[in-house]
N, C-alpha and C. Protein backbone atom coordinates (compact mmCIF):
# COMPACT_ATOMS: atom_id res chain seq x y z
N LEU A 1 0.70 -0.94 -0.09
CA LEU A 1 0.05 0.02 -0.02
C LEU A 1 0.91 1.12 0.14
N HIS A 2 0.12 2.47 -0.67
CA HIS A 2 1.18 3.62 -0.68
C HIS A 2 0.20 4.56 0.24
N TYR A 3 1.30 5.10 1.28
CA TYR A 3 0.52 5.89 2.49
C TYR A 3 1.26 7.49 1.90
N GLY A 4 0.61 8.36 1.51
CA GLY A 4 1.33 9.59 1.27
C GLY A 4 0.20 10.43 0.74
N THR A 5 0.49 11.82 0.27
CA THR A 5 -0.52 12.46 0.18
C THR A 5 -1.41 12.27 -1.43
N ILE A 6 -2.63 12.72 -1.69
CA ILE A 6 -3.28 12.49 -2.70
C ILE A 6 -2.35 13.23 -4.00
N GLY A 7 -2.28 12.91 -5.04
CA GLY A 7 -1.91 13.61 -6.29
C GLY A 7 -3.01 14.33 -6.65
N ILE A 8 -2.42 15.18 -7.58
CA ILE A 8 -3.73 16.21 -8.35
C ILE A 8 -3.33 15.86 -10.19
N LEU A 9 -4.44 16.09 -10.62
CA LEU A 9 -4.54 15.74 -11.92
C LEU A 9 -4.95 16.95 -12.65
N SER A 10 -4.35 17.11 -13.78
CA SER A 10 -4.52 18.58 -14.43
C SER A 10 -4.88 18.81 -15.89
N ALA A 11 -4.10 17.61 -16.57
CA ALA A 11 -4.44 17.82 -17.93
C ALA A 11 -4.57 16.39 -18.41
N ILE A 12 -4.95 16.26 -19.67
CA ILE A 12 -4.59 15.13 -20.45
C ILE A 12 -4.86 15.20 -21.70
N VAL A 13 -3.76 15.14 -22.70
CA VAL A 13 -3.20 15.47 -24.10
C VAL A 13 -3.08 14.12 -24.88
N PRO A 14 -3.50 13.93 -25.97
CA PRO A 14 -4.68 14.70 -26.46
C PRO A 14 -5.86 14.19 -25.96
N SER A 15 -7.11 14.80 -25.65
CA SER A 15 -8.42 14.59 -24.89
C SER A 15 -9.52 13.70 -25.69
N ILE A 16 -8.79 13.46 -27.27
CA ILE A 16 -10.11 12.77 -27.86
C ILE A 16 -8.93 11.62 -28.45
N GLY A 17 -10.08 10.50 -28.93
CA GLY A 17 -9.30 9.38 -30.04
C GLY A 17 -10.31 8.63 -30.65
N PRO A 18 -9.85 7.43 -31.19
CA PRO A 18 -10.96 6.40 -31.98
C PRO A 18 -11.54 5.79 -30.82
N SER A 19 -12.83 5.24 -31.09
CA SER A 19 -13.08 4.26 -30.03
C SER A 19 -12.47 2.96 -30.05
N LYS A 20 -11.50 2.56 -31.10
CA LYS A 20 -10.96 1.55 -31.12
C LYS A 20 -9.67 1.66 -29.59
N GLY A 21 -9.51 2.74 -29.40
CA GLY A 21 -8.57 2.65 -28.11
C GLY A 21 -7.40 2.85 -29.23
N GLY A 22 -6.24 2.91 -27.91
CA GLY A 22 -4.85 2.87 -28.38
C GLY A 22 -4.25 3.81 -28.75
N THR A 23 -4.75 5.07 -28.32
CA THR A 23 -4.53 6.53 -28.17
C THR A 23 -3.16 6.92 -27.20
N MET A 24 -1.88 6.93 -27.21
CA MET A 24 -1.10 7.19 -26.59
C MET A 24 -1.29 8.66 -25.70
N VAL A 25 -1.83 8.80 -24.61
CA VAL A 25 -2.05 9.88 -23.74
C VAL A 25 -1.07 10.30 -22.54
N THR A 26 -1.20 12.09 -22.60
CA THR A 26 0.18 12.24 -21.67
C THR A 26 -1.09 12.76 -20.23
N VAL A 27 -0.80 12.23 -19.47
CA VAL A 27 -1.62 12.54 -18.00
C VAL A 27 -0.93 13.33 -17.16
N SER A 28 -0.87 14.87 -17.47
CA SER A 28 -0.09 16.08 -15.91
C SER A 28 -0.74 16.09 -14.94
N GLY A 29 0.09 16.17 -14.04
CA GLY A 29 -0.39 16.36 -12.63
C GLY A 29 0.72 16.48 -11.26
N SER A 30 0.11 16.18 -10.36
CA SER A 30 1.30 15.90 -9.16
C SER A 30 1.53 15.09 -8.47
N GLY A 31 2.13 14.44 -7.76
CA GLY A 31 2.36 13.33 -7.31
C GLY A 31 2.76 12.01 -7.57
N PHE A 32 3.66 11.91 -8.98
CA PHE A 32 3.49 10.71 -9.54
C PHE A 32 4.99 10.33 -8.73
N SER A 33 5.52 9.09 -8.90
CA SER A 33 6.49 8.44 -8.29
C SER A 33 7.35 7.48 -9.10
N ALA A 34 8.18 7.20 -9.46
CA ALA A 34 8.96 6.22 -10.22
C ALA A 34 8.92 5.03 -9.30
N ASN A 35 8.60 4.89 -7.98
CA ASN A 35 8.59 3.87 -7.18
C ASN A 35 7.05 3.08 -7.41
N ASP A 36 6.21 4.22 -7.83
CA ASP A 36 5.02 3.11 -7.96
C ASP A 36 4.59 2.94 -9.52
N GLU A 37 3.40 1.80 -9.45
CA GLU A 37 3.02 1.71 -10.57
C GLU A 37 1.42 2.37 -10.65
N PHE A 38 1.11 2.77 -12.10
CA PHE A 38 -0.30 3.42 -12.12
C PHE A 38 -1.22 2.82 -13.35
N LEU A 39 -2.25 3.18 -12.89
CA LEU A 39 -3.40 2.72 -13.75
C LEU A 39 -3.87 4.04 -14.49
N CYS A 40 -4.55 4.23 -15.70
CA CYS A 40 -5.23 5.21 -16.15
C CYS A 40 -6.44 4.68 -16.21
N TRP A 41 -7.75 5.12 -15.77
CA TRP A 41 -8.84 4.41 -15.86
C TRP A 41 -9.81 5.67 -17.04
N PHE A 42 -10.44 5.23 -17.94
CA PHE A 42 -11.06 5.35 -18.90
C PHE A 42 -12.62 5.45 -18.99
N GLY A 43 -13.23 5.82 -17.73
CA GLY A 43 -14.57 5.49 -17.81
C GLY A 43 -14.30 4.26 -17.15
N GLU A 44 -15.13 3.09 -16.79
CA GLU A 44 -14.68 1.81 -16.03
C GLU A 44 -13.76 0.83 -16.61
N TYR A 45 -12.85 1.33 -17.06
CA TYR A 45 -11.72 0.28 -18.18
C TYR A 45 -10.19 1.18 -18.04
N ALA A 46 -9.13 -0.01 -17.02
CA ALA A 46 -7.83 0.53 -16.73
C ALA A 46 -6.90 -0.04 -17.96
N THR A 47 -6.01 0.81 -17.99
CA THR A 47 -4.65 0.43 -18.95
C THR A 47 -3.70 0.91 -17.91
N PRO A 48 -2.49 -0.12 -18.33
CA PRO A 48 -1.17 0.04 -17.50
C PRO A 48 -0.49 1.79 -18.11
N ALA A 49 0.15 2.24 -16.79
CA ALA A 49 0.47 3.56 -17.38
C ALA A 49 2.19 3.91 -17.15
N GLN A 50 2.58 4.56 -17.64
CA GLN A 50 4.39 4.45 -17.55
C GLN A 50 4.95 5.89 -16.49
N PHE A 51 5.59 5.58 -15.78
CA PHE A 51 6.28 7.10 -15.51
C PHE A 51 6.87 7.72 -16.16
N VAL A 52 6.80 9.08 -16.29
CA VAL A 52 7.60 10.06 -17.22
C VAL A 52 8.49 10.41 -16.48
N SER A 53 7.49 11.01 -15.46
CA SER A 53 8.22 12.24 -14.53
C SER A 53 7.29 12.46 -13.15
N GLU A 54 7.65 13.55 -12.25
CA GLU A 54 7.04 13.48 -11.08
C GLU A 54 5.82 14.42 -11.36
N SER A 55 5.68 15.00 -12.68
CA SER A 55 4.63 15.53 -13.27
C SER A 55 4.01 15.15 -14.24
N SER A 56 4.05 14.10 -14.71
CA SER A 56 3.06 13.54 -16.04
C SER A 56 3.21 11.78 -16.14
N ILE A 57 2.70 11.25 -16.67
CA ILE A 57 2.78 9.97 -16.76
C ILE A 57 2.11 9.60 -18.10
N SER A 58 2.27 8.57 -18.98
CA SER A 58 1.64 8.13 -20.37
C SER A 58 1.03 6.79 -20.51
N CYS A 59 -0.54 6.55 -21.09
CA CYS A 59 -1.18 5.41 -21.09
C CYS A 59 -1.36 5.50 -22.20
N ARG A 60 -2.37 4.19 -22.77
CA ARG A 60 -2.69 4.20 -24.13
C ARG A 60 -4.27 4.05 -23.45
N THR A 61 -4.85 4.36 -24.38
CA THR A 61 -6.32 4.85 -24.13
C THR A 61 -7.21 3.04 -24.21
N SER A 62 -7.92 2.85 -23.58
CA SER A 62 -8.60 1.57 -23.67
C SER A 62 -10.05 1.46 -24.78
N PRO A 63 -10.03 0.34 -25.41
CA PRO A 63 -11.13 0.93 -26.36
C PRO A 63 -12.31 1.07 -25.78
N THR A 64 -13.84 1.05 -26.52
CA THR A 64 -15.14 1.13 -25.80
C THR A 64 -16.13 1.32 -26.80
N TYR A 65 -17.08 0.99 -26.21
CA TYR A 65 -18.31 0.51 -27.67
C TYR A 65 -19.21 1.92 -27.47
N LEU A 66 -19.14 2.02 -29.10
CA LEU A 66 -19.85 3.35 -29.53
C LEU A 66 -21.28 2.39 -30.07
N GLY A 67 -22.38 2.99 -29.62
CA GLY A 67 -23.71 2.19 -30.37
C GLY A 67 -23.64 2.60 -32.00
N LYS A 68 -24.80 2.07 -32.38
CA LYS A 68 -24.80 2.49 -33.94
C LYS A 68 -25.37 4.11 -34.20
N ASP A 69 -25.90 4.59 -33.57
CA ASP A 69 -26.38 5.88 -33.73
C ASP A 69 -25.53 6.76 -32.76
N GLU A 70 -24.10 6.08 -31.93
CA GLU A 70 -23.54 6.80 -31.51
C GLU A 70 -22.45 7.50 -32.40
N ILE A 71 -22.35 8.74 -32.10
CA ILE A 71 -21.13 9.28 -32.88
C ILE A 71 -19.88 9.50 -31.74
N ILE A 72 -19.99 10.19 -30.72
CA ILE A 72 -18.96 10.58 -29.60
C ILE A 72 -19.39 9.85 -27.99
N SER A 73 -18.72 9.67 -27.54
CA SER A 73 -18.69 9.26 -26.08
C SER A 73 -17.62 9.98 -25.41
N THR A 74 -18.19 10.36 -24.23
CA THR A 74 -16.74 10.99 -23.14
C THR A 74 -17.24 10.50 -22.19
N VAL A 75 -15.69 9.88 -21.43
CA VAL A 75 -15.66 9.41 -20.07
C VAL A 75 -14.91 10.24 -19.45
N PRO A 76 -14.95 9.99 -17.72
CA PRO A 76 -14.07 10.22 -17.01
C PRO A 76 -12.79 9.72 -17.14
N VAL A 77 -12.15 10.55 -16.60
CA VAL A 77 -10.08 9.77 -16.40
C VAL A 77 -9.86 10.05 -15.15
N ARG A 78 -9.38 9.06 -14.48
CA ARG A 78 -8.87 9.04 -13.15
C ARG A 78 -7.52 7.92 -13.19
N VAL A 79 -6.92 8.11 -12.57
CA VAL A 79 -5.57 7.48 -12.11
C VAL A 79 -5.42 6.62 -10.85
N THR A 80 -4.94 5.67 -11.04
CA THR A 80 -5.04 4.72 -9.34
C THR A 80 -3.45 4.44 -9.24
N ARG A 81 -2.91 4.21 -8.21
CA ARG A 81 -1.41 3.59 -7.80
C ARG A 81 -1.78 2.19 -7.74
N ASN A 82 -0.71 1.41 -7.96
CA ASN A 82 -0.23 -0.06 -7.84
C ASN A 82 -1.34 -0.98 -7.70
N SER A 83 -2.15 -0.87 -8.79
CA SER A 83 -3.01 -1.57 -9.33
C SER A 83 -4.34 -1.55 -8.42
N SER A 84 -4.52 -0.46 -7.65
CA SER A 84 -5.55 -0.21 -6.84
C SER A 84 -6.88 0.05 -7.70
N THR A 85 -8.04 -0.19 -7.00
CA THR A 85 -9.30 0.60 -7.56
C THR A 85 -9.76 1.89 -7.11
N THR A 86 -8.77 1.68 -5.88
CA THR A 86 -9.08 3.29 -4.97
C THR A 86 -8.53 4.47 -5.74
N ILE A 87 -9.39 5.25 -5.88
CA ILE A 87 -8.61 6.56 -5.98
C ILE A 87 -7.34 7.50 -5.63
N ASP A 88 -6.46 7.29 -5.92
CA ASP A 88 -5.51 8.08 -5.51
C ASP A 88 -5.26 9.46 -5.84
N PHE A 89 -5.74 9.65 -6.93
CA PHE A 89 -5.75 11.45 -7.05
C PHE A 89 -6.68 12.45 -7.08
N ALA A 90 -6.99 13.51 -6.71
CA ALA A 90 -8.00 14.16 -6.60
C ALA A 90 -9.05 13.98 -7.84
N ILE A 91 -10.19 14.15 -7.77
CA ILE A 91 -10.93 14.12 -8.51
C ILE A 91 -10.56 15.24 -9.52
N SER A 92 -10.74 14.88 -10.66
CA SER A 92 -10.45 16.03 -11.49
C SER A 92 -11.88 15.95 -12.63
N ASP A 93 -11.95 17.26 -13.35
CA ASP A 93 -12.63 17.64 -14.38
C ASP A 93 -12.00 16.87 -15.79
N LEU A 94 -11.18 15.80 -15.66
CA LEU A 94 -10.45 15.41 -17.00
C LEU A 94 -11.34 14.11 -17.74
N ASN A 95 -11.67 14.80 -18.80
CA ASN A 95 -12.64 13.39 -19.84
C ASN A 95 -11.80 13.05 -20.72
N PHE A 96 -12.04 12.64 -21.29
CA PHE A 96 -11.34 11.49 -22.72
C PHE A 96 -12.96 11.49 -23.53
N THR A 97 -12.45 12.28 -24.78
CA THR A 97 -13.74 11.68 -25.81
C THR A 97 -13.14 10.72 -27.22
N TYR A 98 -14.17 9.86 -27.15
CA TYR A 98 -14.04 8.86 -27.89
C TYR A 98 -14.72 9.09 -29.23
N PHE A 99 -14.09 9.10 -30.46
CA PHE A 99 -15.14 9.32 -31.64
C PHE A 99 -15.07 7.88 -32.29
N LYS A 100 -16.39 7.60 -33.08
CA LYS A 100 -16.53 6.55 -33.97
C LYS A 100 -15.48 6.73 -34.70
N ALA A 101 -14.49 5.60 -35.28
CA ALA A 101 -13.37 4.95 -36.38
C ALA A 101 -14.53 4.72 -37.43
N TRP A 102 -14.63 5.62 -38.33
CA TRP A 102 -15.80 5.28 -39.30
C TRP A 102 -14.96 4.13 -40.53
N GLN A 103 -15.54 3.12 -40.65
CA GLN A 103 -14.88 2.39 -41.87
C GLN A 103 -15.81 2.71 -43.22
N ALA A 104 -15.43 2.10 -44.32
CA ALA A 104 -16.10 2.22 -45.70
C ALA A 104 -17.30 1.70 -45.72
N SER A 105 -17.61 0.47 -44.82
CA SER A 105 -18.87 0.01 -44.70
C SER A 105 -19.95 0.43 -43.99
N ASP A 106 -19.30 1.25 -43.20
CA ASP A 106 -20.21 2.27 -42.41
C ASP A 106 -20.88 3.68 -43.56
N VAL A 107 -20.43 3.84 -44.74
CA VAL A 107 -21.21 4.66 -45.49
C VAL A 107 -21.94 4.00 -46.71
N ASP A 108 -23.03 4.76 -47.16
CA ASP A 108 -23.63 4.37 -48.55
C ASP A 108 -22.99 5.60 -49.27
N LEU A 109 -22.26 4.99 -50.24
CA LEU A 109 -22.09 5.93 -51.35
C LEU A 109 -22.92 5.43 -52.62
N ILE A 110 -23.80 6.83 -53.30
CA ILE A 110 -24.33 6.68 -53.90
C ILE A 110 -24.15 7.65 -55.20
N PRO A 111 -23.90 7.47 -56.63
CA PRO A 111 -24.03 5.83 -57.00
C PRO A 111 -23.03 5.03 -56.65
N SER A 112 -23.03 3.59 -56.56
CA SER A 112 -22.08 3.02 -55.97
C SER A 112 -21.40 2.09 -56.97
N SER A 113 -21.10 2.88 -58.25
CA SER A 113 -20.43 2.37 -59.31
C SER A 113 -20.36 3.70 -60.26
N GLY A 114 -19.34 3.46 -61.26
CA GLY A 114 -19.26 4.86 -62.20
C GLY A 114 -17.96 4.57 -62.76
N PRO A 115 -18.10 5.34 -64.14
CA PRO A 115 -16.94 5.23 -64.52
C PRO A 115 -15.64 4.90 -63.86
N LEU A 116 -14.07 4.54 -64.61
CA LEU A 116 -13.09 4.48 -63.97
C LEU A 116 -12.57 5.51 -64.32
N ILE A 117 -12.89 6.66 -65.56
CA ILE A 117 -11.96 7.94 -65.50
C ILE A 117 -13.30 8.90 -65.72
N GLY A 118 -12.90 9.95 -65.40
CA GLY A 118 -13.26 11.42 -65.77
C GLY A 118 -14.39 11.80 -64.46
C-alpha cells in the first residue's frame, strides 16, 4: 500500500481519440513517483501507465463501444496507484472523448459505381 499525499491531475493530452482505443495520452499533474505503478482509467476500463516524470505519466486509451447511432462518447479519466481501484488522485474534471472510427462499410455511397476515368 502507498501512504502519502493525494496527487492532483491537471491535464490530459490529447483528450480525444478513436473508439478502437490505443491512443497514447499524457496525463499531467502532481504526485507521480518512479517507485509506483499506475493505472489510467477511462470510464470503467483501466490500462497500465508508464512513469514519465514527477509531473506526468503516459498510457494508451482502452477501447470503448459506441452504439450504432453514437458518434462520440465522453468518459471521465482517473488514475490509481499500484493496481488499486481506490482513487489516489484528487477528482478532476479530466475527460477523454472517443469518436467513432468510421469504416468504408459504414457509409452508403450513391452511386455505388461509375466510370473508371472522368
